């Protein structure tokens, strides 16, 4: 009986060692997590809007526009978090949407009505003025001109230095 128990213990020890080796090999093949921000390609850097929607033009206190879409699951999550996030005071919001009604519903559902916002059916305004056709996107302006454009997955990344390192 002792020999059988010893043999079982040796086999279990070998199996655990093999399992840890396999986990180490798998961990080495998993890609590094994506950065919280990435530059957007194809945007019109230095561009300014031909005409700004009422109250949306960036200012020194509010230099950023967030482009969110009603058809984007991550935009839904970000909009939900935006209502209570500190970055809220420094952004305007462009809601790219299939219809004005769904854009208005998005703004109401996420309590964005107190922010400067513009409902952009088809994303035509933001694409036509800045070449942005992706969401979520953050557009930073200096003196009314687009200076940085990036996608983001976390509201905290919008105020971090990481943004300026990638843009």
Protein backbone atom coordinates (compact mmCIF):
# COMPACT_ATOMS: atom_id res chain seq x y z
CA UNK A 1 0.00 0.00 0.00
CA UNK A 2 2.85 2.40 0.85
CA UNK A 3 4.48 1.73 -2.52
CA UNK A 4 1.19 2.45 -4.33
CA UNK A 5 0.73 5.67 -2.36
CA UNK A 6 4.33 6.74 -3.07
CA UNK A 7 3.89 6.04 -6.78
CA UNK A 8 0.66 8.07 -6.88
CA UNK A 9 2.37 10.96 -5.07
CA UNK A 10 5.28 10.94 -7.54
CA UNK A 11 2.84 10.94 -10.50
CA UNK A 12 0.84 13.83 -9.02
CA UNK A 13 4.01 15.83 -8.39
CA UNK A 14 5.14 15.27 -11.98
CA UNK A 15 1.68 16.26 -13.28
CA UNK A 16 1.70 19.50 -11.26
CA UNK A 17 5.21 20.36 -12.50
CA UNK A 18 4.11 19.69 -16.09
CA UNK A 19 1.00 21.83 -15.61
CA UNK A 20 3.07 24.78 -14.34
CA UNK A 21 5.44 24.41 -17.30
CA UNK A 22 2.51 24.47 -19.71
CA UNK A 23 1.04 27.54 -18.01
CA UNK A 24 4.39 29.33 -18.34
CA UNK A 25 4.54 28.47 -22.04
CA UNK A 26 0.99 29.74 -22.59
CA UNK A 27 1.69 32.95 -20.68
CA UNK A 28 4.68 33.66 -22.93
CA UNK A 29 2.40 33.47 -25.99
CA UNK A 30 -0.30 35.82 -24.71
CA UNK A 31 0.12 39.28 -26.24
CA UNK A 32 0.70 42.28 -24.01
CA UNK A 33 -2.43 44.24 -23.18
CA UNK A 34 -3.32 46.96 -25.65
CA UNK A 35 -2.48 50.49 -24.56
CA UNK A 36 -5.38 52.54 -23.19
CA UNK A 37 -4.93 55.00 -26.08
CA UNK A 38 -3.81 54.60 -29.70
CA UNK A 39 -3.38 57.28 -32.37
CA UNK A 40 -6.09 57.45 -35.02
CA UNK A 41 -4.75 57.21 -38.56
CA UNK A 42 -6.05 59.27 -41.44
CA UNK A 43 -7.28 62.27 -39.45
CA UNK A 44 -6.81 65.83 -40.67
CA UNK A 45 -4.26 67.15 -38.17
CA UNK A 46 -4.32 70.93 -37.92
CA UNK A 47 -7.88 71.07 -39.23
CA UNK A 48 -10.60 73.24 -37.76
CA UNK A 49 -14.32 72.94 -38.32
CA UNK A 50 -15.84 74.95 -41.15
CA UNK A 51 -18.66 75.68 -38.73
CA UNK A 52 -18.92 74.64 -35.07
CA UNK A 53 -22.24 73.43 -33.68
CA UNK A 54 -23.57 75.75 -30.98
CA UNK A 55 -21.46 75.60 -27.81
CA UNK A 56 -19.19 72.80 -29.08
CA UNK A 57 -16.12 74.79 -30.13
CA UNK A 58 -13.15 73.84 -27.94
CA UNK A 59 -11.80 76.32 -25.42
CA UNK A 60 -8.72 76.42 -23.20
CA UNK A 61 -10.84 74.99 -20.35
CA UNK A 62 -12.50 72.40 -22.60
CA UNK A 63 -9.93 71.42 -25.23
CA UNK A 64 -11.26 67.96 -26.06
CA UNK A 65 -14.12 66.43 -28.03
CA UNK A 66 -15.12 62.83 -27.45
CA UNK A 67 -16.63 61.02 -30.41
CA UNK A 68 -19.02 58.33 -29.23
CA UNK A 69 -21.35 56.18 -31.29
CA UNK A 70 -24.78 54.80 -30.50
CA UNK A 71 -23.76 51.56 -32.26
CA UNK A 72 -20.61 50.98 -30.19
CA UNK A 73 -20.70 48.81 -27.05
CA UNK A 74 -17.54 50.32 -25.59
CA UNK A 75 -18.98 53.81 -26.24
CA UNK A 76 -22.01 52.84 -24.15
CA UNK A 77 -19.77 51.83 -21.25
CA UNK A 78 -17.62 54.95 -21.56
CA UNK A 79 -20.68 57.22 -21.71
CA UNK A 80 -22.05 55.60 -18.57
CA UNK A 81 -18.80 56.32 -16.74
CA UNK A 82 -18.52 59.84 -18.15
CA UNK A 83 -21.41 61.15 -16.04
CA UNK A 84 -19.33 60.84 -12.85
CA UNK A 85 -15.77 61.16 -14.17
CA UNK A 86 -13.53 64.19 -13.55
CA UNK A 87 -12.69 64.52 -17.26
CA UNK A 88 -16.35 65.48 -17.79
CA UNK A 89 -15.56 69.17 -17.19
CA UNK A 90 -12.97 69.33 -19.97
CA UNK A 91 -14.84 67.67 -22.85
CA UNK A 92 -17.56 68.17 -25.39
CA UNK A 93 -19.28 65.16 -26.93
CA UNK A 94 -20.11 64.32 -30.53
CA UNK A 95 -22.62 61.47 -30.78
CA UNK A 96 -22.30 59.73 -34.12
CA UNK A 97 -25.59 58.02 -34.79
CA UNK A 98 -27.84 56.55 -37.43
CA UNK A 99 -30.70 58.88 -36.51
CA UNK A 100 -31.27 62.00 -34.47
CA UNK A 101 -33.76 60.13 -32.27
CA UNK A 102 -31.26 57.43 -31.28
CA UNK A 103 -28.66 60.14 -30.57
CA UNK A 104 -31.08 62.02 -28.32
CA UNK A 105 -31.90 58.77 -26.54
CA UNK A 106 -28.16 58.08 -26.03
CA UNK A 107 -27.61 61.56 -24.54
CA UNK A 108 -30.61 61.19 -22.20
CA UNK A 109 -29.79 57.62 -21.17
CA UNK A 110 -26.24 58.59 -20.16
CA UNK A 111 -27.05 62.00 -18.62
CA UNK A 112 -24.90 63.86 -21.12
CA UNK A 113 -27.35 66.71 -21.60
CA UNK A 114 -25.37 68.99 -19.28
CA UNK A 115 -22.28 68.67 -21.47
CA UNK A 116 -21.75 70.56 -24.69
CA UNK A 117 -22.83 67.96 -27.23
CA UNK A 118 -23.79 67.53 -30.84
CA UNK A 119 -25.79 64.72 -32.40
CA UNK A 120 -24.10 63.88 -35.68
CA UNK A 121 -26.34 61.69 -37.91
CA UNK A 122 -24.13 59.42 -39.99
CA UNK A 123 -20.99 60.92 -38.43
CA UNK A 124 -20.86 63.35 -41.34
CA UNK A 125 -19.80 66.44 -39.38
CA UNK A 126 -16.86 64.85 -37.55
CA UNK A 127 -15.72 62.89 -40.64
CA UNK A 128 -16.05 65.87 -42.96
CA UNK A 129 -14.22 68.32 -40.72
CA UNK A 130 -11.58 66.10 -39.10
CA UNK A 131 -11.48 62.81 -41.03
CA UNK A 132 -12.55 60.83 -37.97
CA UNK A 133 -14.54 57.71 -38.82
CA UNK A 134 -13.94 55.67 -35.66
CA UNK A 135 -15.33 55.64 -32.15
CA UNK A 136 -14.64 56.01 -29.37
CA UNK A 137 -12.19 58.74 -30.25
CA UNK A 138 -10.80 61.72 -28.38
CA UNK A 139 -9.85 64.84 -30.30
CA UNK A 140 -7.65 67.41 -28.59
CA UNK A 141 -7.53 70.96 -29.92
CA UNK A 142 -5.05 73.80 -29.54
CA UNK A 143 -6.26 77.23 -30.68
CA UNK A 144 -9.26 75.58 -32.35
CA UNK A 145 -7.11 73.26 -34.49
CA UNK A 146 -6.93 69.48 -34.17
CA UNK A 147 -3.62 68.63 -32.52
CA UNK A 148 -4.14 65.03 -31.34
CA UNK A 149 -6.57 62.24 -32.18
CA UNK A 150 -6.66 58.85 -30.51
CA UNK A 151 -8.94 55.98 -29.68
CA UNK A 152 -9.29 55.17 -26.01
CA UNK A 153 -10.67 52.43 -23.82
CA UNK A 154 -10.54 54.11 -20.43
CA UNK A 155 -11.64 57.59 -19.34
CA UNK A 156 -8.71 57.85 -16.92
CA UNK A 157 -6.33 57.61 -19.89
CA UNK A 158 -7.70 60.89 -21.25
CA UNK A 159 -6.02 62.91 -18.54
CA UNK A 160 -2.82 60.87 -18.31
CA UNK A 161 0.57 61.55 -19.83
CA UNK A 162 0.20 58.31 -21.83
CA UNK A 163 -2.07 60.22 -24.22
CA UNK A 164 0.66 62.69 -25.10
CA UNK A 165 3.22 59.89 -25.49
CA UNK A 166 1.13 58.14 -28.18
CA UNK A 167 -0.23 61.11 -30.07
